[in-house]
């Protein structure tokens, strides 16, 4: 009796697994990069929101909150919420606390996101960043250190 074997051969299965592996090797890093880009964009939008609230506070009071330094939730939140912004963003896209610093006379402020790595890398005025680990800085109504180009 002639019997027809049905199913896939071992070679066919290995080829399919190899193709799936190649597709995964290409897709997963791109997906992770897209997730980090989204977090970075959310962080920048939240920093603009905090900056707008700080500017509104300054319009009403002729100065920014004076002599504050540390996490946004512990420093400027009491001055800005709920009058200038209903819910002040306290964390960046990577769940690290936003940092705020104002000078003693309320003439300047700086907001800082520590980036993906969560460590303070400092702010250098007028620089662009190329990795997700670098800090994003916003001072007196504009970004002073910001992402540009393809991030790593």
Protein backbone atom coordinates (compact mmCIF):
# COMPACT_ATOMS: atom_id res chain seq x y z
CA UNK A 1 0.00 0.00 0.00
CA UNK A 2 1.30 3.41 -0.99
CA UNK A 3 1.05 5.90 1.82
CA UNK A 4 1.41 9.65 1.29
CA UNK A 5 3.22 11.37 4.11
CA UNK A 6 1.69 14.67 5.00
CA UNK A 7 3.44 17.47 6.83
CA UNK A 8 6.61 19.48 6.57
CA UNK A 9 10.13 18.18 6.29
CA UNK A 10 12.80 19.17 8.77
CA UNK A 11 14.49 21.39 6.19
CA UNK A 12 11.28 23.30 5.51
CA UNK A 13 10.76 23.90 9.23
CA UNK A 14 14.35 25.10 9.68
CA UNK A 15 13.97 27.55 6.79
CA UNK A 16 10.77 28.98 8.31
CA UNK A 17 12.42 29.34 11.74
CA UNK A 18 15.44 31.06 10.15
CA UNK A 19 13.20 33.52 8.29
CA UNK A 20 11.27 34.32 11.48
CA UNK A 21 14.58 34.85 13.30
CA UNK A 22 15.84 37.27 10.65
CA UNK A 23 12.60 39.25 10.73
CA UNK A 24 12.70 39.40 14.54
CA UNK A 25 16.35 40.53 14.51
CA UNK A 26 15.37 43.46 12.30
CA UNK A 27 12.00 44.34 13.85
CA UNK A 28 12.74 44.21 17.59
CA UNK A 29 15.52 46.86 17.68
CA UNK A 30 13.40 49.15 15.50
CA UNK A 31 10.44 48.66 17.83
CA UNK A 32 12.53 49.44 20.91
CA UNK A 33 13.93 52.54 19.22
CA UNK A 34 10.41 53.69 18.32
CA UNK A 35 9.29 53.23 21.94
CA UNK A 36 12.20 55.36 23.18
CA UNK A 37 11.50 58.05 20.55
CA UNK A 38 7.90 58.20 21.79
CA UNK A 39 9.06 58.54 25.38
CA UNK A 40 11.45 61.29 24.37
CA UNK A 41 8.72 63.22 22.53
CA UNK A 42 6.38 62.86 25.51
CA UNK A 43 9.15 64.13 27.79
CA UNK A 44 9.68 67.20 25.63
CA UNK A 45 5.94 67.91 25.48
CA UNK A 46 5.68 67.63 29.27
CA UNK A 47 8.66 69.96 29.70
CA UNK A 48 6.93 72.51 27.46
CA UNK A 49 3.82 72.19 29.64
CA UNK A 50 5.81 72.87 32.81
CA UNK A 51 7.61 75.73 31.06
CA UNK A 52 4.33 77.30 29.96
CA UNK A 53 3.04 77.10 33.54
CA UNK A 54 6.27 78.71 34.82
CA UNK A 55 5.94 81.52 32.27
CA UNK A 56 2.28 82.08 33.25
CA UNK A 57 3.32 82.24 36.92
CA UNK A 58 5.98 84.81 36.02
CA UNK A 59 3.46 86.95 34.10
CA UNK A 60 1.23 87.13 37.20
CA UNK A 61 4.04 87.56 39.77
CA UNK A 62 6.88 89.23 37.80
CA UNK A 63 9.27 86.42 38.80
CA UNK A 64 9.55 82.63 38.74
CA UNK A 65 9.27 80.65 41.99
CA UNK A 66 12.37 81.72 43.93
CA UNK A 67 15.26 79.56 45.12
CA UNK A 68 13.89 76.13 44.25
CA UNK A 69 16.05 73.10 43.48
CA UNK A 70 15.13 69.42 43.17
CA UNK A 71 12.31 67.26 41.87
CA UNK A 72 9.42 69.20 40.31
CA UNK A 73 6.95 67.51 42.65
CA UNK A 74 8.85 68.83 45.70
CA UNK A 75 9.70 72.31 44.41
CA UNK A 76 7.54 74.20 41.92
CA UNK A 77 4.42 72.02 41.96
CA UNK A 78 2.88 73.95 44.86
CA UNK A 79 3.26 77.23 42.94
CA UNK A 80 1.85 75.97 39.64
CA UNK A 81 -0.86 73.45 40.44
CA UNK A 82 -3.89 73.83 39.98
CA UNK A 83 -3.87 77.51 38.96
CA UNK A 84 -1.47 77.38 35.99
CA UNK A 85 -1.77 73.72 35.08
CA UNK A 86 -4.34 71.21 36.29
CA UNK A 87 -1.99 68.23 36.63
CA UNK A 88 1.69 69.07 36.57
CA UNK A 89 3.79 66.32 34.95
CA UNK A 90 6.26 65.04 37.56
CA UNK A 91 7.99 62.27 35.58
CA UNK A 92 9.56 62.03 32.16
CA UNK A 93 8.81 59.28 29.65
CA UNK A 94 11.23 56.90 31.40
CA UNK A 95 9.59 57.40 34.83
CA UNK A 96 12.41 59.58 36.21
CA UNK A 97 11.47 62.69 38.17
CA UNK A 98 11.75 66.01 36.33
CA UNK A 99 14.25 68.32 38.04
CA UNK A 100 13.65 72.06 38.45
CA UNK A 101 15.98 74.79 39.56
CA UNK A 102 15.29 78.51 39.97
CA UNK A 103 17.66 81.22 41.06
CA UNK A 104 17.31 83.07 44.37
CA UNK A 105 15.64 86.16 42.90
CA UNK A 106 13.28 84.27 40.56
CA UNK A 107 14.86 85.57 37.36
CA UNK A 108 15.65 82.23 35.69
CA UNK A 109 14.58 78.60 35.75
CA UNK A 110 15.87 75.33 34.31
CA UNK A 111 13.97 72.07 33.87
CA UNK A 112 15.90 68.86 33.36
CA UNK A 113 15.05 65.31 32.34
CA UNK A 114 17.80 62.82 33.17
CA UNK A 115 16.97 60.75 30.09
CA UNK A 116 16.73 56.98 29.79
CA UNK A 117 19.62 56.19 32.17
CA UNK A 118 18.19 58.34 34.98
CA UNK A 119 21.54 59.95 35.90
CA UNK A 120 22.42 63.63 35.96
CA UNK A 121 24.59 64.36 32.94
CA UNK A 122 24.38 68.13 33.26
CA UNK A 123 23.08 70.77 30.87
CA UNK A 124 25.23 72.49 28.27
CA UNK A 125 23.52 75.40 26.58
CA UNK A 126 22.93 75.16 22.84
CA UNK A 127 23.87 71.51 22.39
CA UNK A 128 22.12 68.64 20.70
CA UNK A 129 22.04 65.12 22.08
CA UNK A 130 22.45 61.90 20.15
CA UNK A 131 21.51 59.18 22.65
CA UNK A 132 18.45 58.54 24.77
CA UNK A 133 20.65 58.49 27.90
CA UNK A 134 21.62 62.16 27.62
CA UNK A 135 19.73 64.85 29.53
CA UNK A 136 17.11 67.12 27.96
CA UNK A 137 17.13 70.69 29.31
CA UNK A 138 14.56 73.48 29.08
CA UNK A 139 15.36 76.94 30.40
CA UNK A 140 13.41 80.21 30.41
CA UNK A 141 10.95 79.18 27.71
CA UNK A 142 13.14 77.20 25.30
CA UNK A 143 15.17 74.03 25.01
CA UNK A 144 18.87 74.53 25.72
CA UNK A 145 19.86 70.89 25.22
CA UNK A 146 17.66 68.82 22.91
CA UNK A 147 17.63 65.69 20.74
CA UNK A 148 18.46 66.01 17.08
CA UNK A 149 18.78 63.43 14.35
CA UNK A 150 18.69 59.67 14.83
CA UNK A 151 19.08 58.66 18.46
CA UNK A 152 20.96 55.59 19.63
